[in-house]
């Protein structure tokens, strides 16, 4: 009654009085579902995970009423998806779909299965395909792998999946395919055939433009070599004239999609145009300009995407109070601002935001003050003075934080993390942005970064990177990231309208998993990686590690 009346706290107090050992399976299912829903809604994911992990109920859930069975699998699927166990989430949605039979809701469940599989790394999918004994799950995994094999080419993806469906006509995903596949089939004949690529190929941004161009063309030539039908591409140097005139020239030359520009101001100038006769795919974000064009899209390497994701992940992992450590440079200030906004919106607390200089040779005093080590030492000194004798005591760091948000390049991170460990903060989880790793294998030096969890671009992680299309090692890290962005920009050119039509749909790229947000802004979700023995590996969420 409390739960129905919208009083979850009172409902929880009543649930705590129940002796679950006395409950039959239907009553245990009812108890667990209600309690788990309260826990999930109040973002106590550890509790929800524990409740929904009840092994007895998992074995006997088939004895519960059908509506409880459905809610059991649905709630488990939602929770697993939230905490990053996407394959487990897809498996639960598959079980849920089987309970609907011919119910019209099955199509929506199939879309959720497809969405969750889209978040799973390819190697994990391949491993699961080898070891699963569930034919339905294996079929869904094969569909997902065929989709990956097409590397963003819609026609190839559809042909591969159509061949699989002909061989498996009775599989649920064959009979009722995900909406994104039916939408892609409809879009097959309307894909761009003439691209205009607007980049700075001279002037101050020439190196950035060249890195993007090389990535874009690398993806183009890879698609050509694989037998894909590729568009014609014409390049324009954005430093040679007025950007509006250059866009019009591209349209006159026959472009049916204009890709670029890279410069924020030039993109903002195009956004101010009264109309854009041909779709524009900008390679940056015009942050302070409202997008009033339905056919203008924006894509870039926004630090804000990363820090919002880190704030969400840290919250899911159970952290609530943090110390922010950042250098006094622009990208870190921007990222810290986005983290602050997301963290406070979730209900988190930032106890202190500490600025440091990139050129500092030693961070010990700065961190000592931030961690309140000096205060602890002063308390020990006062106690010794009062007692008149030496006291065996170890200084303690502040106890009002449960994590650290770190903004750092590798060089600074290799100084900051060991200093934190030395100052009694070795048990505090440290989260960082992708800047902490340059994509170069360096275990001897990266030992000092052990334990740091960070958002990583897929091209930098050995188990995720494509062997046939990688940024050139001699390039600086920032330019290698732009090369990867160029690869994604080429592959995205076919998917813009589809991602807009289906906001839950995603495309796995070299810079992250890509989806369309408000105002046609593409946003990235990056895999979470971790340094272990100086090497980089995918990190599980803290909740997954409890199992």
Protein backbone atom coordinates (compact mmCIF):
# COMPACT_ATOMS: atom_id res chain seq x y z
CA UNK A 1 0.00 0.00 0.00
CA UNK A 2 2.83 2.40 0.82
CA UNK A 3 4.51 1.59 -2.51
CA UNK A 4 1.30 2.14 -4.48
CA UNK A 5 0.75 5.43 -2.63
CA UNK A 6 4.16 6.71 -3.73
CA UNK A 7 5.86 6.41 -0.33
CA UNK A 8 8.89 4.20 -1.10
CA UNK A 9 10.69 4.92 2.18
CA UNK A 10 7.73 3.73 4.23
CA UNK A 11 7.36 0.74 1.91
CA UNK A 12 11.00 -0.16 2.47
CA UNK A 13 10.61 0.00 6.25
CA UNK A 14 7.70 -2.42 5.99
CA UNK A 15 9.68 -4.74 3.70
CA UNK A 16 12.52 -4.89 6.23
CA UNK A 17 10.12 -6.50 8.71
CA UNK A 18 9.46 -9.47 6.42
CA UNK A 19 11.10 -12.82 7.17
CA UNK A 20 11.82 -13.99 3.61
CA UNK A 21 12.44 -17.57 4.78
CA UNK A 22 8.69 -17.96 5.28
CA UNK A 23 7.74 -16.88 1.75
CA UNK A 24 6.61 -19.14 -1.08
CA UNK A 25 8.11 -18.44 -4.51
CA UNK A 26 5.27 -16.16 -5.73
CA UNK A 27 5.47 -14.11 -2.50
CA UNK A 28 9.27 -14.06 -2.57
CA UNK A 29 9.09 -12.82 -6.17
CA UNK A 30 6.64 -10.09 -5.18
CA UNK A 31 8.81 -9.06 -2.21
CA UNK A 32 12.03 -9.04 -4.26
CA UNK A 33 10.59 -7.14 -7.21
CA UNK A 34 9.10 -4.43 -5.02
CA UNK A 35 12.25 -4.02 -2.92
CA UNK A 36 14.55 -4.09 -5.97
CA UNK A 37 12.45 -1.48 -7.74
CA UNK A 38 12.69 0.83 -4.71
CA UNK A 39 16.45 0.29 -4.60
CA UNK A 40 16.93 0.91 -8.33
CA UNK A 41 14.76 4.02 -8.36
CA UNK A 42 16.73 5.46 -5.43
CA UNK A 43 19.99 4.59 -7.27
CA UNK A 44 21.20 2.09 -4.66
CA UNK A 45 22.49 -0.24 -7.30
CA UNK A 46 24.46 -2.49 -4.94
CA UNK A 47 21.26 -3.33 -3.07
CA UNK A 48 19.27 -3.83 -6.27
CA UNK A 49 22.02 -6.07 -7.66
CA UNK A 50 22.01 -8.16 -4.50
CA UNK A 51 18.23 -8.55 -4.46
CA UNK A 52 17.97 -9.46 -8.14
CA UNK A 53 20.88 -11.87 -7.77
CA UNK A 54 18.83 -14.14 -5.48
CA UNK A 55 19.90 -17.60 -6.73
CA UNK A 56 16.88 -19.41 -5.29
CA UNK A 57 14.45 -17.10 -7.00
CA UNK A 58 16.43 -17.25 -10.26
CA UNK A 59 16.04 -21.06 -10.24
CA UNK A 60 12.36 -21.06 -9.33
CA UNK A 61 11.03 -17.92 -11.05
CA UNK A 62 9.15 -20.13 -13.54
CA UNK A 63 6.78 -21.06 -10.70
CA UNK A 64 5.73 -17.43 -10.21
CA UNK A 65 2.76 -15.85 -12.03
CA UNK A 66 3.50 -14.73 -15.61
CA UNK A 67 3.38 -11.02 -14.80
CA UNK A 68 6.00 -11.52 -12.07
CA UNK A 69 8.21 -13.55 -14.41
CA UNK A 70 8.08 -10.77 -16.96
CA UNK A 71 8.86 -8.07 -14.42
CA UNK A 72 11.70 -10.18 -12.98
CA UNK A 73 13.48 -10.44 -16.33
CA UNK A 74 12.68 -6.84 -17.27
CA UNK A 75 14.03 -5.42 -14.01
CA UNK A 76 17.18 -7.55 -14.21
CA UNK A 77 17.70 -6.46 -17.82
CA UNK A 78 17.32 -2.78 -16.89
CA UNK A 79 19.72 -3.05 -13.97
CA UNK A 80 22.38 -5.00 -15.89
CA UNK A 81 22.22 -2.43 -18.67
CA UNK A 82 22.65 0.41 -16.17
CA UNK A 83 25.74 -1.08 -14.54
CA UNK A 84 27.42 -2.03 -17.82
CA UNK A 85 26.69 -5.77 -17.99
CA UNK A 86 25.21 -5.43 -21.45
CA UNK A 87 25.44 -9.07 -22.54
CA UNK A 88 23.64 -10.17 -19.36
CA UNK A 89 21.04 -7.47 -20.03
CA UNK A 90 20.47 -8.75 -23.57
CA UNK A 91 20.09 -12.29 -22.23
CA UNK A 92 17.40 -11.14 -19.78
CA UNK A 93 15.55 -9.28 -22.55
CA UNK A 94 15.67 -12.47 -24.67
CA UNK A 95 14.02 -14.38 -21.79
CA UNK A 96 11.47 -11.57 -21.46
CA UNK A 97 10.65 -11.69 -25.19
CA UNK A 98 9.99 -15.43 -24.93
CA UNK A 99 7.32 -14.73 -22.31
CA UNK A 100 5.41 -12.41 -24.65
CA UNK A 101 4.81 -14.93 -27.43
CA UNK A 102 2.96 -13.05 -30.17
CA UNK A 103 2.32 -9.98 -28.05
CA UNK A 104 2.94 -6.73 -30.01
CA UNK A 105 5.35 -5.64 -27.25
CA UNK A 106 7.88 -8.18 -28.52
CA UNK A 107 9.13 -5.74 -31.20
CA UNK A 108 10.08 -3.19 -28.55
CA UNK A 109 11.87 -5.90 -26.55
CA UNK A 110 13.82 -6.94 -29.66
CA UNK A 111 14.96 -3.33 -30.06
CA UNK A 112 16.27 -3.43 -26.49
CA UNK A 113 18.13 -6.68 -27.16
CA UNK A 114 19.76 -5.10 -30.20
CA UNK A 115 20.65 -1.94 -28.28
CA UNK A 116 22.32 -3.87 -25.47
CA UNK A 117 24.30 -6.08 -27.86
CA UNK A 118 25.45 -2.90 -29.58
CA UNK A 119 27.30 -1.94 -26.39
CA UNK A 120 29.22 -5.23 -26.06
CA UNK A 121 32.85 -5.35 -27.30
CA UNK A 122 33.35 -7.58 -30.32
CA UNK A 123 35.75 -9.98 -28.60
CA UNK A 124 33.29 -10.50 -25.76
CA UNK A 125 30.56 -11.27 -28.29
CA UNK A 126 32.79 -13.78 -30.09
CA UNK A 127 33.70 -15.48 -26.81
CA UNK A 128 30.05 -15.67 -25.78
CA UNK A 129 29.14 -17.16 -29.15
CA UNK A 130 31.69 -19.94 -28.65
CA UNK A 131 30.56 -20.93 -25.17
CA UNK A 132 26.81 -20.31 -25.00
CA UNK A 133 24.45 -23.27 -25.18
CA UNK A 134 21.43 -21.05 -25.83
CA UNK A 135 20.61 -21.13 -29.55
CA UNK A 136 18.47 -17.98 -29.35
CA UNK A 137 21.22 -15.95 -27.68
CA UNK A 138 23.80 -17.30 -30.11
CA UNK A 139 21.62 -16.24 -33.04
CA UNK A 140 21.30 -12.69 -31.73
CA UNK A 141 25.07 -12.55 -31.19
CA UNK A 142 25.71 -13.71 -34.77
CA UNK A 143 23.43 -10.96 -36.07
CA UNK A 144 25.34 -8.41 -34.01
CA UNK A 145 28.71 -9.69 -35.24
CA UNK A 146 27.59 -9.56 -38.88
CA UNK A 147 26.53 -5.97 -38.25
CA UNK A 148 30.05 -5.19 -36.94
CA UNK A 149 31.73 -6.90 -39.91
CA UNK A 150 30.19 -4.32 -42.24
CA UNK A 151 32.17 -1.50 -40.48
CA UNK A 152 29.40 1.03 -40.93
CA UNK A 153 28.47 0.18 -44.52
CA UNK A 154 24.69 -0.12 -44.50
CA UNK A 155 24.36 -2.15 -47.72
CA UNK A 156 26.96 -4.69 -46.58
CA UNK A 157 25.38 -4.94 -43.16
CA UNK A 158 21.95 -5.59 -44.63
CA UNK A 159 23.29 -8.18 -47.08
CA UNK A 160 25.17 -10.06 -44.34
CA UNK A 161 22.19 -10.09 -42.00
CA UNK A 162 19.79 -11.04 -44.82
CA UNK A 163 21.95 -14.08 -45.55
CA UNK A 164 21.86 -15.04 -41.87
CA UNK A 165 18.08 -14.61 -41.74
CA UNK A 166 17.63 -16.89 -44.76
CA UNK A 167 19.56 -19.58 -42.89
CA UNK A 168 17.64 -19.02 -39.62
CA UNK A 169 14.04 -18.19 -40.62
CA UNK A 170 12.54 -19.32 -37.30
CA UNK A 171 14.83 -17.32 -35.02
CA UNK A 172 12.87 -14.55 -33.19
CA UNK A 173 15.29 -11.88 -34.48
CA UNK A 174 14.74 -13.13 -38.02
CA UNK A 175 10.96 -13.15 -37.77
CA UNK A 176 10.78 -9.75 -36.04
CA UNK A 177 14.06 -7.90 -36.77
CA UNK A 178 15.10 -4.79 -34.83
CA UNK A 179 13.56 -1.53 -36.01
CA UNK A 180 16.97 -0.14 -36.95
CA UNK A 181 17.43 -2.90 -39.55
CA UNK A 182 14.07 -2.27 -41.18
CA UNK A 183 14.79 1.47 -41.18
CA UNK A 184 18.23 0.83 -42.70
CA UNK A 185 16.63 -1.23 -45.47
CA UNK A 186 14.38 1.71 -46.30
CA UNK A 187 17.38 4.06 -46.35
CA UNK A 188 19.57 1.85 -48.55
CA UNK A 189 18.69 3.66 -51.77
CA UNK A 190 18.98 7.18 -50.39
CA UNK A 191 22.60 7.16 -49.14
CA UNK A 192 24.90 10.08 -50.11
CA UNK A 193 26.80 9.58 -53.34
CA UNK A 194 28.83 12.79 -53.52
CA UNK A 195 30.63 14.10 -50.41
CA UNK A 196 32.31 17.46 -49.99
CA UNK A 197 35.00 17.40 -47.29
CA UNK A 198 35.67 20.89 -45.89
CA UNK A 199 38.88 20.94 -43.82
CA UNK A 200 41.71 23.36 -42.96
CA UNK A 201 44.49 22.14 -45.24
CA UNK A 202 46.63 25.25 -44.78
CA UNK A 203 47.21 27.75 -41.97
CA UNK A 204 47.37 27.12 -38.22
CA UNK A 205 44.96 24.15 -38.21
CA UNK A 206 46.53 22.39 -41.20
CA UNK A 207 48.01 19.54 -39.13
CA UNK A 208 44.64 18.86 -37.48
CA UNK A 209 42.91 18.98 -40.86
CA UNK A 210 45.43 16.61 -42.39
CA UNK A 211 45.01 14.08 -39.57
CA UNK A 212 41.23 14.14 -40.03
CA UNK A 213 41.60 13.83 -43.80
CA UNK A 214 43.94 10.84 -43.46
CA UNK A 215 41.49 9.03 -41.17
CA UNK A 216 38.54 9.83 -43.43
CA UNK A 217 40.33 8.56 -46.53
CA UNK A 218 41.70 5.49 -44.72
CA UNK A 219 38.13 4.43 -43.96
CA UNK A 220 37.12 5.24 -47.54
CA UNK A 221 39.86 3.06 -49.05
CA UNK A 222 39.12 0.25 -46.61
CA UNK A 223 35.46 0.32 -47.69
CA UNK A 224 36.52 0.36 -51.34
CA UNK A 225 38.81 -2.63 -50.83
CA UNK A 226 36.02 -4.61 -49.15
CA UNK A 227 33.73 -4.19 -52.15
CA UNK A 228 31.47 -1.47 -50.76
CA UNK A 229 29.90 1.11 -53.03
CA UNK A 230 31.72 4.30 -52.04
CA UNK A 231 30.76 7.93 -52.68
CA UNK A 232 32.78 10.39 -54.72
CA UNK A 233 34.76 12.75 -52.46
CA UNK A 234 35.94 16.28 -53.24
CA UNK A 235 38.17 18.19 -50.80
CA UNK A 236 37.99 21.91 -50.06
CA UNK A 237 40.44 23.98 -48.01
CA UNK A 238 38.43 26.07 -45.54
CA UNK A 239 41.30 28.57 -45.17
CA UNK A 240 41.02 29.80 -48.75
CA UNK A 241 37.85 31.88 -48.47
CA UNK A 242 34.49 32.62 -46.88
CA UNK A 243 32.97 29.49 -45.40
CA UNK A 244 29.43 30.24 -46.63
CA UNK A 245 30.69 30.72 -50.17
CA UNK A 246 32.68 27.49 -49.90
CA UNK A 247 29.57 25.58 -48.78
CA UNK A 248 27.61 26.99 -51.72
CA UNK A 249 30.43 26.03 -54.08
CA UNK A 250 30.31 22.45 -52.77
CA UNK A 251 26.54 22.36 -53.37
CA UNK A 252 27.03 23.74 -56.88
CA UNK A 253 29.66 21.06 -57.52
CA UNK A 254 27.05 18.38 -56.81
CA UNK A 255 27.58 17.42 -53.16
CA UNK A 256 24.61 15.73 -51.49
CA UNK A 257 26.36 15.84 -48.08
CA UNK A 258 28.88 18.45 -46.89
CA UNK A 259 31.29 17.18 -44.19
CA UNK A 260 33.00 19.89 -42.11
CA UNK A 261 34.13 22.46 -41.23
CA UNK A 262 36.43 21.76 -38.27
CA UNK A 263 36.69 25.32 -36.95
CA UNK A 264 33.99 26.20 -34.38
CA UNK A 265 33.50 29.75 -35.63
CA UNK A 266 33.12 28.63 -39.23
CA UNK A 267 30.56 26.02 -38.18
CA UNK A 268 28.67 28.65 -36.18
CA UNK A 269 28.65 30.93 -39.24
CA UNK A 270 27.01 28.19 -41.32
CA UNK A 271 24.48 27.59 -38.57
CA UNK A 272 23.43 31.22 -38.91
CA UNK A 273 22.53 30.75 -42.58
CA UNK A 274 18.80 31.06 -43.28
CA UNK A 275 18.78 27.67 -45.02
CA UNK A 276 21.07 24.79 -45.89
CA UNK A 277 19.93 23.15 -49.14
CA UNK A 278 22.25 20.16 -48.60
CA UNK A 279 22.80 18.38 -45.24
CA UNK A 280 25.83 19.59 -43.30
CA UNK A 281 27.87 17.28 -41.05
CA UNK A 282 30.01 19.61 -38.93
CA UNK A 283 33.21 18.24 -37.38
CA UNK A 284 32.93 20.21 -34.15
CA UNK A 285 30.33 21.64 -31.78
CA UNK A 286 29.17 25.23 -31.98
CA UNK A 287 28.41 25.28 -28.25
CA UNK A 288 26.86 28.74 -27.98
CA UNK A 289 24.81 28.61 -31.16
CA UNK A 290 21.31 27.13 -31.38
CA UNK A 291 20.94 24.63 -34.22
CA UNK A 292 17.84 25.68 -36.09
CA UNK A 293 18.55 23.44 -39.11
CA UNK A 294 16.95 20.01 -39.24
CA UNK A 295 19.68 18.77 -41.60
CA UNK A 296 22.75 20.05 -39.71
CA UNK A 297 24.66 17.55 -37.56
CA UNK A 298 27.57 18.08 -35.16
CA UNK A 299 30.32 15.63 -34.22
CA UNK A 300 33.53 16.17 -32.27
CA UNK A 301 35.80 14.93 -29.49
CA UNK A 302 34.05 16.69 -26.62
CA UNK A 303 35.68 16.30 -23.21
CA UNK A 304 32.22 16.92 -21.73
CA UNK A 305 30.97 13.58 -23.08
CA UNK A 306 33.73 11.84 -21.15
CA UNK A 307 33.32 13.62 -17.84
CA UNK A 308 29.54 13.27 -17.81
CA UNK A 309 30.00 9.56 -18.42
CA UNK A 310 32.58 9.30 -15.63
CA UNK A 311 30.25 11.10 -13.23
CA UNK A 312 27.45 8.68 -14.10
CA UNK A 313 29.70 5.62 -13.79
CA UNK A 314 31.15 6.74 -10.47
CA UNK A 315 27.64 7.32 -9.14
CA UNK A 316 26.48 3.87 -10.28
CA UNK A 317 29.53 2.40 -8.55
CA UNK A 318 28.31 3.94 -5.30
CA UNK A 319 30.53 7.03 -4.93
CA UNK A 320 29.03 10.23 -3.58
CA UNK A 321 31.82 12.63 -2.53
CA UNK A 322 34.91 13.53 -4.52
CA UNK A 323 38.11 15.52 -4.77
CA UNK A 324 38.73 17.00 -8.24
CA UNK A 325 42.36 17.44 -9.36
CA UNK A 326 42.96 19.34 -12.60
CA UNK A 327 45.64 21.35 -14.42
CA UNK A 328 45.09 25.03 -15.14
CA UNK A 329 44.41 24.59 -18.87
CA UNK A 330 41.32 24.96 -21.05
CA UNK A 331 40.26 21.38 -21.78
CA UNK A 332 40.49 20.45 -18.09
CA UNK A 333 38.44 23.48 -17.03
CA UNK A 334 35.78 22.59 -19.59
CA UNK A 335 35.74 18.93 -18.55
CA UNK A 336 35.64 19.78 -14.84
CA UNK A 337 32.70 22.11 -15.47
CA UNK A 338 30.71 19.35 -17.18
CA UNK A 339 31.63 16.88 -14.42
CA UNK A 340 30.58 19.37 -11.73
CA UNK A 341 27.20 19.94 -13.39
CA UNK A 342 26.47 16.21 -13.83
CA UNK A 343 27.80 15.26 -10.39
CA UNK A 344 25.69 17.84 -8.56
CA UNK A 345 22.62 16.97 -10.66
CA UNK A 346 22.95 13.39 -9.41
CA UNK A 347 23.24 14.58 -5.82
CA UNK A 348 27.01 14.24 -5.40
CA UNK A 349 29.36 16.51 -3.46
CA UNK A 350 32.70 17.99 -4.56
CA UNK A 351 34.68 18.59 -1.35
CA UNK A 352 37.52 20.42 -3.07
CA UNK A 353 38.67 21.31 -6.58
CA UNK A 354 42.45 21.45 -6.75
CA UNK A 355 44.38 23.20 -9.54
CA UNK A 356 47.97 22.27 -10.36
CA UNK A 357 50.60 23.44 -12.84
CA UNK A 358 51.74 21.11 -15.61
CA UNK A 359 55.30 22.31 -15.10
CA UNK A 360 55.50 21.60 -11.35
CA UNK A 361 58.32 19.17 -10.43
CA UNK A 362 56.63 17.96 -7.23
CA UNK A 363 52.96 17.69 -6.20
CA UNK A 364 53.43 16.36 -2.68
CA UNK A 365 52.75 19.58 -0.75
CA UNK A 366 49.78 20.47 -2.93
CA UNK A 367 48.20 17.05 -2.39
CA UNK A 368 49.16 16.99 1.28
CA UNK A 369 47.09 20.14 1.82
CA UNK A 370 44.18 18.89 -0.31
CA UNK A 371 44.03 15.60 1.59
CA UNK A 372 44.30 17.42 4.96
CA UNK A 373 47.38 15.39 5.92
CA UNK A 374 48.87 18.44 7.61
CA UNK A 375 45.77 18.79 9.81
CA UNK A 376 46.16 15.17 10.89
CA UNK A 377 49.84 15.69 11.66
CA UNK A 378 49.03 18.78 13.72
CA UNK A 379 46.52 16.79 15.79
CA UNK A 380 49.18 14.18 16.54
CA UNK A 381 51.65 16.92 17.54
CA UNK A 382 49.09 18.56 19.87
CA UNK A 383 48.32 15.20 21.46
CA UNK A 384 52.02 14.49 22.05
CA UNK A 385 52.46 17.93 23.57
CA UNK A 386 49.48 17.39 25.88
CA UNK A 387 50.64 13.93 27.00
CA UNK A 388 54.28 14.92 27.18
CA UNK A 389 55.46 11.82 25.35
CA UNK A 390 55.79 10.33 21.87
CA UNK A 391 52.63 8.73 20.50
CA UNK A 392 52.78 5.93 17.93
CA UNK A 393 50.42 7.23 15.29
CA UNK A 394 50.19 7.46 11.50
CA UNK A 395 48.74 10.61 9.90
CA UNK A 396 45.41 10.11 8.13
CA UNK A 397 43.97 11.68 5.01
CA UNK A 398 40.60 13.36 5.02
CA UNK A 399 37.72 10.92 5.40
CA UNK A 400 34.95 12.86 3.67
CA UNK A 401 35.75 11.74 0.09
CA UNK A 402 35.25 8.33 -1.49
CA UNK A 403 36.85 8.92 -4.93
CA UNK A 404 39.12 11.23 -6.92
CA UNK A 405 38.37 12.76 -10.32
CA UNK A 406 41.70 13.34 -12.05
CA UNK A 407 42.46 15.41 -15.14
CA UNK A 408 46.02 14.70 -16.29
CA UNK A 409 48.34 13.79 -19.12
CA UNK A 410 50.43 10.62 -18.63
CA UNK A 411 53.52 12.54 -17.47
CA UNK A 412 51.65 14.30 -14.68
CA UNK A 413 49.54 11.23 -13.85
CA UNK A 414 52.70 9.21 -13.23
CA UNK A 415 53.64 11.73 -10.54
CA UNK A 416 50.19 12.35 -9.06
CA UNK A 417 49.01 8.75 -8.57
CA UNK A 418 52.10 7.51 -6.63
CA UNK A 419 51.98 10.67 -4.52
CA UNK A 420 48.33 10.01 -3.69
CA UNK A 421 49.20 6.45 -2.72
CA UNK A 422 52.04 7.67 -0.51
CA UNK A 423 49.71 10.13 1.20
CA UNK A 424 47.36 7.36 2.42
CA UNK A 425 44.90 7.65 -0.51
CA UNK A 426 45.84 4.35 -2.17
CA UNK A 427 42.40 2.89 -1.40
CA UNK A 428 40.51 5.75 -3.07
CA UNK A 429 39.25 4.94 -6.59
CA UNK A 430 40.70 7.34 -9.17
CA UNK A 431 38.79 8.16 -12.36
CA UNK A 432 40.40 9.99 -15.28
CA UNK A 433 39.68 11.11 -18.84
CA UNK A 434 41.24 9.63 -21.97
CA UNK A 435 44.09 12.16 -21.75
CA UNK A 436 45.77 9.88 -19.18
CA UNK A 437 46.68 7.40 -21.95
CA UNK A 438 48.26 8.23 -25.31
CA UNK A 439 47.59 4.87 -26.92
CA UNK A 440 51.24 3.75 -26.72
CA UNK A 441 52.17 0.50 -24.94
CA UNK A 442 54.54 1.56 -22.13
CA UNK A 443 54.14 -0.82 -19.13
CA UNK A 444 57.40 0.10 -17.40
CA UNK A 445 56.35 3.73 -16.98
CA UNK A 446 52.62 3.12 -16.71
CA UNK A 447 53.08 1.01 -13.58
CA UNK A 448 52.73 4.33 -11.78
CA UNK A 449 49.18 4.65 -13.17
CA UNK A 450 48.00 1.28 -11.85
CA UNK A 451 44.42 1.27 -10.62
CA UNK A 452 43.29 4.40 -12.49
CA UNK A 453 40.02 3.90 -14.36
CA UNK A 454 39.58 6.09 -17.40
CA UNK A 455 37.45 6.65 -20.46
CA UNK A 456 39.45 5.29 -23.39
CA UNK A 457 38.98 5.71 -27.11
CA UNK A 458 38.50 2.22 -28.59
CA UNK A 459 41.43 2.63 -30.99
CA UNK A 460 43.80 2.82 -27.98
CA UNK A 461 42.68 -0.50 -26.42
CA UNK A 462 44.32 -3.63 -27.86
CA UNK A 463 41.19 -5.79 -27.57
CA UNK A 464 39.01 -3.17 -29.33
CA UNK A 465 41.28 -1.58 -31.94
CA UNK A 466 40.89 -2.58 -35.59
CA UNK A 467 44.16 -4.06 -36.85
CA UNK A 468 43.64 -2.84 -40.41
CA UNK A 469 43.04 0.83 -39.72
CA UNK A 470 45.05 2.50 -36.97
CA UNK A 471 46.44 6.00 -36.51
CA UNK A 472 50.10 6.39 -37.36
CA UNK A 473 52.28 5.90 -34.28
CA UNK A 474 54.65 8.83 -35.00
CA UNK A 475 51.71 11.27 -34.83
CA UNK A 476 51.15 13.19 -31.60
CA UNK A 477 48.34 11.78 -29.44
CA UNK A 478 45.92 14.61 -30.26
CA UNK A 479 46.40 14.07 -33.99
CA UNK A 480 45.98 10.30 -33.67
CA UNK A 481 42.65 10.99 -31.97
CA UNK A 482 41.70 13.21 -34.91
CA UNK A 483 42.70 10.43 -37.32
CA UNK A 484 40.30 8.11 -35.45
CA UNK A 485 37.63 10.82 -35.61
CA UNK A 486 38.14 10.99 -39.38
CA UNK A 487 37.50 7.24 -39.62
CA UNK A 488 34.28 7.64 -37.67
CA UNK A 489 33.21 10.68 -39.71
CA UNK A 490 33.44 8.65 -42.92
CA UNK A 491 31.48 5.73 -41.47
CA UNK A 492 28.87 8.04 -39.95
CA UNK A 493 27.99 9.70 -43.24
CA UNK A 494 25.56 6.86 -44.05
CA UNK A 495 24.00 6.76 -40.58
CA UNK A 496 23.11 10.35 -39.74
CA UNK A 497 19.42 10.19 -40.66
CA UNK A 498 19.01 6.74 -39.09
CA UNK A 499 20.62 7.75 -35.81
CA UNK A 500 18.37 10.78 -35.73
CA UNK A 501 15.25 8.73 -36.42
CA UNK A 502 16.18 6.13 -33.77
CA UNK A 503 17.88 7.87 -30.81
CA UNK A 504 18.47 4.51 -29.05
CA UNK A 505 20.43 3.22 -32.03
CA UNK A 506 24.22 3.37 -31.89
CA UNK A 507 27.25 2.94 -34.12
CA UNK A 508 30.47 1.54 -32.64
CA UNK A 509 33.37 3.73 -33.73
CA UNK A 510 37.06 4.29 -33.16
CA UNK A 511 36.35 7.23 -30.84
CA UNK A 512 33.50 5.60 -28.91
CA UNK A 513 29.97 4.27 -29.31
CA UNK A 514 28.10 7.00 -31.17
CA UNK A 515 24.48 8.08 -30.74
CA UNK A 516 22.39 11.11 -31.68
CA UNK A 517 21.31 13.55 -28.95
CA UNK A 518 19.35 16.81 -28.93
CA UNK A 519 20.01 19.39 -31.67
CA UNK A 520 21.53 16.66 -33.86
CA UNK A 521 24.63 16.44 -31.68
CA UNK A 522 26.46 13.13 -31.88
CA UNK A 523 27.62 12.03 -28.45
CA UNK A 524 30.21 9.40 -27.59
CA UNK A 525 30.13 6.72 -24.91
CA UNK A 526 33.64 5.44 -24.30
CA UNK A 527 34.66 2.08 -22.85
CA UNK A 528 35.99 2.21 -19.31
CA UNK A 529 39.60 1.01 -19.13
CA UNK A 530 42.01 0.46 -16.27
CA UNK A 531 45.77 0.27 -15.79
CA UNK A 532 46.82 -3.16 -14.48
CA UNK A 533 50.53 -3.91 -14.07
CA UNK A 534 51.28 -1.04 -16.40
CA UNK A 535 49.02 -2.40 -19.14
CA UNK A 536 45.64 -1.21 -20.32
CA UNK A 537 42.61 -3.50 -20.15
CA UNK A 538 38.86 -3.06 -20.18
CA UNK A 539 37.51 -2.40 -16.68
CA UNK A 540 34.39 -3.95 -15.22
CA UNK A 541 32.05 -1.79 -13.19
CA UNK A 542 32.50 -1.98 -9.43
CA UNK A 543 29.13 -3.72 -9.13
CA UNK A 544 30.05 -6.38 -11.67
CA UNK A 545 33.25 -7.08 -9.75
CA UNK A 546 31.23 -7.92 -6.64
CA UNK A 547 29.83 -11.04 -8.33
